[in-house]
């Protein structure tokens, strides 16, 4: 039987030098839950998930997310749902850090596929 637990987000470091990028608060068994910070001019490589859906809930700041090559600007209070097989790229073009909660479900830590794409380029075929 699974056990209940509590984790404080301050007990986990962010991936990029401990101050930005993603950090996981929960890894499985059915979903991943974490936080992400992108400082101004910082981005996160284009990628997609074959079976996993990903949701971002913006707490602070703004970020541009490109989904299938189309730009959407997320602001505080916005929830963005990214279905499986939808390449997405994030960049903070603002002047303040962007902070969000992300949830990925179902759980599959090997489901991320990196894509060599930046805005302004033609989006490659995905499979």
Protein backbone atom coordinates (compact mmCIF):
# COMPACT_ATOMS: atom_id res chain seq x y z
CA UNK A 1 0.00 0.00 0.00
CA UNK A 2 1.26 3.47 -0.88
CA UNK A 3 2.01 5.88 1.93
CA UNK A 4 0.93 9.50 2.18
CA UNK A 5 3.67 12.10 2.43
CA UNK A 6 4.36 15.82 2.36
CA UNK A 7 7.30 17.47 0.61
CA UNK A 8 8.24 21.13 0.75
CA UNK A 9 9.33 22.56 -2.61
CA UNK A 10 12.34 24.23 -0.95
CA UNK A 11 13.80 20.78 -0.24
CA UNK A 12 14.38 20.10 -3.97
CA UNK A 13 16.77 22.05 -6.23
CA UNK A 14 15.96 23.37 -9.67
CA UNK A 15 17.82 21.62 -12.51
CA UNK A 16 19.63 24.68 -13.95
CA UNK A 17 22.31 25.70 -11.41
CA UNK A 18 19.82 25.19 -8.57
CA UNK A 19 17.95 28.43 -9.34
CA UNK A 20 15.88 27.76 -12.45
CA UNK A 21 14.61 25.06 -14.77
CA UNK A 22 12.33 22.24 -13.67
CA UNK A 23 12.33 20.33 -10.40
CA UNK A 24 10.25 17.29 -9.54
CA UNK A 25 8.31 17.10 -6.28
CA UNK A 26 6.67 13.79 -7.18
CA UNK A 27 7.86 11.10 -9.62
CA UNK A 28 5.16 8.49 -10.23
CA UNK A 29 3.63 6.05 -9.77
CA UNK A 30 0.80 7.59 -11.86
CA UNK A 31 1.96 11.19 -12.49
CA UNK A 32 4.86 13.61 -12.16
CA UNK A 33 4.35 16.91 -10.34
CA UNK A 34 6.90 19.68 -10.18
CA UNK A 35 7.75 23.32 -10.42
CA UNK A 36 9.61 25.23 -13.09
CA UNK A 37 11.25 28.65 -13.18
CA UNK A 38 12.60 30.29 -16.31
CA UNK A 39 14.50 33.53 -15.78
CA UNK A 40 14.38 36.25 -18.45
CA UNK A 41 15.85 35.06 -21.80
CA UNK A 42 16.01 31.44 -20.59
CA UNK A 43 14.36 28.69 -22.62
CA UNK A 44 13.55 24.99 -22.43
CA UNK A 45 14.31 22.82 -25.45
CA UNK A 46 11.52 21.78 -27.79
CA UNK A 47 10.25 18.32 -26.93
CA UNK A 48 7.14 16.18 -26.90
CA UNK A 49 5.82 13.12 -25.14
CA UNK A 50 4.51 10.09 -27.00
CA UNK A 51 1.90 9.05 -24.39
CA UNK A 52 2.16 11.56 -21.54
CA UNK A 53 0.12 14.76 -21.38
CA UNK A 54 1.65 17.83 -19.70
CA UNK A 55 -0.06 20.74 -17.98
CA UNK A 56 1.48 24.05 -16.88
CA UNK A 57 -0.17 26.35 -14.32
CA UNK A 58 1.47 29.78 -14.20
CA UNK A 59 1.99 31.20 -10.72
CA UNK A 60 4.11 34.27 -11.53
CA UNK A 61 5.44 36.10 -14.57
CA UNK A 62 4.90 35.30 -18.23
CA UNK A 63 6.30 32.79 -20.70
CA UNK A 64 5.91 32.16 -24.40
CA UNK A 65 5.08 28.55 -25.13
CA UNK A 66 5.13 27.34 -28.72
CA UNK A 67 2.90 24.31 -29.25
CA UNK A 68 3.16 22.76 -32.71
CA UNK A 69 4.98 25.95 -33.72
CA UNK A 70 2.18 28.30 -32.59
CA UNK A 71 2.99 30.89 -29.92
CA UNK A 72 0.85 31.30 -26.80
CA UNK A 73 1.77 33.72 -23.99
CA UNK A 74 0.97 32.34 -20.54
CA UNK A 75 0.33 34.73 -17.65
CA UNK A 76 -0.32 34.27 -13.93
CA UNK A 77 -3.47 32.19 -13.45
CA UNK A 78 -3.29 30.51 -16.88
CA UNK A 79 -3.41 26.72 -17.24
CA UNK A 80 -1.99 25.30 -20.47
CA UNK A 81 -2.72 21.70 -21.48
CA UNK A 82 -0.30 20.01 -23.92
CA UNK A 83 -1.60 16.66 -25.27
CA UNK A 84 0.75 13.81 -26.24
CA UNK A 85 2.55 14.15 -29.60
CA UNK A 86 2.48 17.99 -29.48
CA UNK A 87 6.01 19.47 -29.63
CA UNK A 88 6.38 22.37 -27.21
CA UNK A 89 9.10 24.96 -26.57
CA UNK A 90 9.17 27.53 -23.76
CA UNK A 91 11.06 30.83 -23.57
CA UNK A 92 10.85 33.68 -21.10
CA UNK A 93 10.93 36.83 -23.22
CA UNK A 94 9.83 38.97 -20.26
CA UNK A 95 11.68 40.96 -17.63
CA UNK A 96 10.77 38.86 -14.56
CA UNK A 97 11.09 35.14 -13.76
CA UNK A 98 8.26 32.84 -14.83
CA UNK A 99 7.23 30.32 -12.15
CA UNK A 100 4.77 27.49 -12.75
CA UNK A 101 3.57 24.13 -11.53
CA UNK A 102 3.64 21.29 -14.04
CA UNK A 103 1.88 17.94 -14.02
CA UNK A 104 2.67 15.09 -16.38
CA UNK A 105 0.33 12.07 -16.53
CA UNK A 106 0.46 9.01 -16.97
CA UNK A 107 3.79 8.28 -15.53
CA UNK A 108 6.56 7.34 -17.96
CA UNK A 109 9.98 8.89 -17.21
CA UNK A 110 11.37 7.78 -20.60
CA UNK A 111 8.59 9.32 -22.71
CA UNK A 112 10.33 12.66 -23.55
CA UNK A 113 11.54 13.12 -27.13
CA UNK A 114 13.78 16.13 -27.85
CA UNK A 115 13.21 18.04 -31.11
CA UNK A 116 15.75 20.27 -32.85
CA UNK A 117 13.48 23.30 -33.42
CA UNK A 118 13.36 27.00 -32.58
CA UNK A 119 10.74 29.62 -33.48
CA UNK A 120 11.05 30.77 -37.08
CA UNK A 121 12.14 27.36 -38.32
CA UNK A 122 9.99 24.76 -40.06
CA UNK A 123 8.73 22.21 -37.54
CA UNK A 124 10.07 18.74 -38.38
CA UNK A 125 7.76 15.74 -38.75
CA UNK A 126 7.31 13.80 -35.52
CA UNK A 127 6.72 10.10 -35.16
